[in-house]
Protein backbone atom coordinates (compact mmCIF):
# COMPACT_ATOMS: atom_id res chain seq x y z
CA MET A 1 -32.85 -0.19 17.40
CA ILE A 2 -31.54 0.22 13.86
CA GLU A 3 -27.80 0.80 13.60
CA ARG A 4 -26.66 3.27 10.98
CA GLU A 5 -24.30 1.88 8.42
CA GLU A 6 -21.03 3.79 8.51
CA LYS A 7 -20.40 5.55 5.22
CA ALA A 8 -17.23 4.52 3.43
CA GLY A 9 -14.64 7.25 3.17
CA PRO A 10 -12.54 8.35 0.18
CA ASN A 11 -9.83 6.12 -1.24
CA PHE A 12 -6.26 7.46 -1.15
CA VAL A 13 -3.32 5.89 -2.96
CA THR A 14 0.34 6.40 -2.15
CA LEU A 15 3.68 4.69 -2.59
CA GLY A 16 4.31 1.33 -0.93
CA PRO A 17 5.44 -1.08 0.31
CA ALA A 18 3.98 -1.06 3.81
CA GLY A 19 5.93 1.09 6.24
CA THR A 20 7.16 3.71 3.77
CA ASN A 21 7.32 7.39 4.62
CA HIS A 22 4.54 7.81 2.06
CA GLU A 23 2.21 5.55 4.02
CA PHE A 24 3.32 7.06 7.34
CA VAL A 25 2.71 10.65 6.21
CA THR A 26 -0.50 9.83 4.33
CA ARG A 27 -2.05 8.40 7.50
CA LYS A 28 -0.92 11.49 9.44
CA TYR A 29 -2.57 13.69 6.81
CA LEU A 30 -5.83 11.75 6.98
CA ALA A 31 -5.85 12.07 10.76
CA TYR A 32 -5.14 15.81 10.50
CA ARG A 33 -8.03 16.26 8.06
CA GLY A 34 -10.34 14.14 10.21
CA LEU A 35 -10.92 11.58 7.45
CA LYS A 36 -11.53 8.68 9.81
CA ASN A 37 -13.12 6.38 7.24
CA ALA A 38 -10.63 6.99 4.44
CA GLN A 39 -8.94 3.96 2.90
CA VAL A 40 -5.25 3.80 1.94
CA LYS A 41 -4.10 1.68 -0.99
CA LEU A 42 -0.38 1.18 -1.58
CA ILE A 43 1.02 1.24 -5.11
CA ASP A 44 4.50 0.83 -6.59
CA ASP A 45 4.15 3.41 -9.38
CA PHE A 46 2.55 6.87 -9.27
CA LEU A 47 1.42 6.50 -12.88
CA VAL A 48 -0.67 3.57 -11.72
CA GLY A 49 -2.16 5.84 -9.08
CA LEU A 50 -3.14 8.44 -11.67
CA ALA A 51 -4.83 5.78 -13.77
CA MET A 52 -6.71 4.56 -10.69
CA ILE A 53 -8.05 8.07 -10.05
CA LYS A 54 -9.01 8.48 -13.70
CA ASN A 55 -10.85 5.14 -13.69
CA GLY A 56 -12.62 5.80 -10.40
CA ASP A 57 -10.68 3.17 -8.43
CA ALA A 58 -9.21 5.88 -6.18
CA ASP A 59 -10.15 9.42 -5.24
CA TYR A 60 -6.84 11.02 -4.27
CA MET A 61 -3.10 10.39 -4.37
CA ILE A 62 -0.34 11.68 -2.09
CA GLN A 63 3.28 12.14 -3.22
CA VAL A 64 6.30 13.75 -1.64
CA ALA A 65 7.42 16.71 -3.75
CA VAL A 66 11.10 15.68 -3.62
CA HIS A 67 10.42 12.34 -5.30
CA PRO A 68 12.51 12.03 -8.50
CA GLU A 69 9.36 11.50 -10.60
CA CYS A 70 7.39 14.40 -9.09
CA ALA A 71 7.72 16.85 -12.00
CA ASN A 72 6.75 14.15 -14.48
CA ILE A 73 3.76 13.07 -12.38
CA VAL A 74 2.47 16.65 -11.98
CA ALA A 75 2.67 17.22 -15.74
CA THR A 76 1.19 13.82 -16.65
CA ALA A 77 -1.63 14.27 -14.15
CA HIS A 78 -2.50 17.71 -15.51
CA PHE A 79 -2.20 17.20 -19.26
CA LYS A 80 -3.00 13.50 -19.75
CA TYR A 81 -5.56 12.79 -17.05
CA GLY A 82 -7.02 16.17 -16.08
CA ILE A 83 -5.97 15.52 -12.48
CA ARG A 84 -4.73 18.46 -10.42
CA VAL A 85 -2.73 19.20 -7.30
CA ILE A 86 -5.53 20.05 -4.87
CA ASP A 87 -3.65 20.40 -1.56
CA THR A 88 -0.13 20.76 -0.17
CA PHE A 89 1.38 20.41 3.28
CA ILE A 90 4.66 19.99 5.16
CA SER A 91 5.44 16.93 7.26
CA PRO A 92 8.52 15.41 8.88
CA SER A 93 9.60 11.97 7.76
CA LYS A 94 10.27 8.98 9.95
CA GLU A 95 13.55 8.99 11.86
CA LEU A 96 16.29 8.15 9.37
CA GLY A 97 19.87 6.99 9.66
CA ILE A 98 22.70 4.97 8.22
CA VAL A 99 22.29 1.35 9.26
CA THR A 100 25.06 -1.22 8.85
CA ARG A 101 25.21 -4.97 9.18
CA ARG A 102 26.97 -5.93 12.39
CA GLY A 103 30.48 -7.30 12.01
CA ILE A 104 31.45 -5.00 9.14
CA LYS A 105 34.23 -2.68 10.28
CA THR A 106 34.67 -0.74 7.02
CA PRO A 107 31.44 -0.57 5.00
CA LYS A 108 32.10 -0.23 1.27
CA THR A 109 28.63 -0.28 -0.27
CA LEU A 110 25.71 2.01 0.61
CA ALA A 111 22.10 1.49 -0.45
CA LEU A 112 19.79 4.49 -0.69
CA GLN A 113 16.78 5.88 -2.50
CA PRO A 114 17.89 8.52 -5.06
CA ALA A 115 15.90 11.31 -3.38
CA THR A 116 17.96 10.86 -0.19
CA THR A 117 21.41 11.17 -1.81
CA LYS A 118 22.01 14.68 -0.43
CA TYR A 119 21.12 13.75 3.14
CA ILE A 120 24.71 12.69 3.87
CA ASP A 121 28.23 12.70 2.45
CA VAL A 122 28.09 9.60 0.24
CA GLY A 123 31.80 9.90 -0.60
CA LYS A 124 32.63 7.71 2.38
CA TRP A 125 31.46 4.61 0.49
CA GLU A 126 33.11 3.05 -2.57
CA LYS A 127 29.83 2.05 -4.24
CA LEU A 128 26.27 3.38 -4.12
CA VAL A 129 23.34 1.04 -4.74
CA TYR A 130 20.07 2.79 -5.62
CA VAL A 131 16.76 1.23 -4.60
CA THR A 132 13.16 2.22 -5.28
CA SER A 133 12.21 2.44 -1.60
CA ILE A 134 14.12 2.72 1.68
CA MET A 135 11.84 -0.04 2.98
CA HIS A 136 13.66 -2.56 0.76
CA ILE A 137 17.01 -1.74 2.36
CA PRO A 138 16.75 -3.76 5.61
CA GLU A 139 16.09 -6.97 3.65
CA GLY A 140 19.05 -6.24 1.38
CA LEU A 141 21.30 -5.65 4.39
CA LEU A 142 20.25 -8.92 6.00
CA ASN A 143 20.79 -10.77 2.70
CA GLY A 144 24.29 -9.30 2.30
CA LYS A 145 23.52 -7.29 -0.86
CA TYR A 146 25.27 -4.23 0.60
CA ASP A 147 27.05 -3.22 3.79
CA SER A 148 25.13 -0.10 4.80
CA GLY A 149 21.87 1.60 3.92
CA LEU A 150 20.03 4.86 4.49
CA THR A 151 16.74 3.73 5.97
CA THR A 152 14.45 4.18 8.96
CA LEU A 153 15.81 3.69 12.45
CA GLU A 154 12.88 1.34 13.01
CA ALA A 155 14.72 -1.19 10.87
CA ALA A 156 17.77 -1.17 13.11
CA GLU A 157 15.57 -1.54 16.17
CA LYS A 158 13.61 -4.41 14.62
CA TYR A 159 16.79 -6.30 13.72
CA LYS A 160 19.07 -4.96 16.44
CA ASP A 161 20.93 -8.26 16.77
CA GLN A 162 21.98 -8.05 13.12
CA LEU A 163 22.00 -4.33 12.32
CA GLN A 164 23.49 -1.28 14.00
CA ILE A 165 23.00 2.47 13.63
CA ASP A 166 26.18 4.22 12.40
CA ILE A 167 24.77 7.70 11.77
CA GLN A 168 21.55 9.28 13.02
CA ILE A 169 20.13 11.66 10.41
CA GLY A 170 16.82 12.42 12.12
CA THR A 171 13.71 13.61 10.34
CA VAL A 172 13.39 15.69 7.18
CA ASP A 173 10.66 18.32 6.72
CA ASP A 174 9.36 17.54 3.24
CA PRO A 175 6.69 19.26 1.10
CA TRP A 176 3.87 16.95 0.00
CA LEU A 177 1.28 17.06 -2.79
CA VAL A 178 -2.28 15.77 -2.86
CA TYR A 179 -3.78 14.99 -6.28
CA GLY A 180 -7.48 14.87 -7.16
CA LYS A 181 -9.98 15.49 -9.95
CA CYS A 182 -11.34 18.82 -8.70
CA ARG A 183 -9.26 21.86 -9.65
CA VAL A 184 -8.91 24.30 -6.76
CA SER A 185 -6.69 27.08 -8.09
CA ASN A 186 -8.98 28.62 -10.77
CA SER A 187 -5.90 30.53 -11.99
CA ASN A 188 -5.40 32.11 -8.55
CA LEU A 189 -2.85 31.46 -5.84
CA VAL A 190 -4.18 29.09 -3.17
CA ALA A 191 -2.59 29.31 0.29
CA SER A 192 -3.60 29.26 3.93
CA SER A 193 -4.77 32.63 5.23
CA SER A 194 -2.69 32.05 8.37
CA SER A 195 1.02 31.30 8.42
CA VAL A 196 3.35 30.12 11.16
CA ALA A 197 6.25 31.77 9.33
CA PHE A 198 4.47 35.12 8.77
CA PRO A 199 1.87 35.41 11.55
CA ASN A 200 1.64 39.21 11.65
CA VAL A 201 2.29 40.16 8.03
CA SER A 202 -0.41 41.94 6.05
CA TYR A 203 -0.02 42.68 2.36
CA TYR A 204 -3.17 44.75 1.97
């Protein structure tokens, strides 16, 4: 009996390192779309991702729309590379919170990714330390670079003997963008014909 060789799926790129919300949500999106054979490559710069799509090293890229570089990436994709936004969706993030190194009674420094600055009142800390990814924060806490950090609750659970949860933020419902080479809008609005928010509304 001849076994059929399983066809390789499309290559998606998104922001690393491993364990980021970008990887978490990208894998949820692939499961939702039924793309079982899709591959996920992690990058540290969205401009690198655009170049990978242009050069054929990747097929699609996923980015959260609240990322500080989002407007620049959309424009660069469109005008420099001919890459378009081909899909959008909403997804909750991982569970987030303020995590502090045990033994610190009055935290003075807080590490966070710039896009998360409005998630809490940062005025409680004397100094803010901005990082490129919330996944770098646990290591910085353990190394004593800062007292507290806004990161995933997984980090506190993984290092529960050294870290504690001070504030539970929960999940955030973010809008996400999918980039690809094929333009889907054709100068028209593209949206789902059904809507959870407006299930019985007809405009025609």
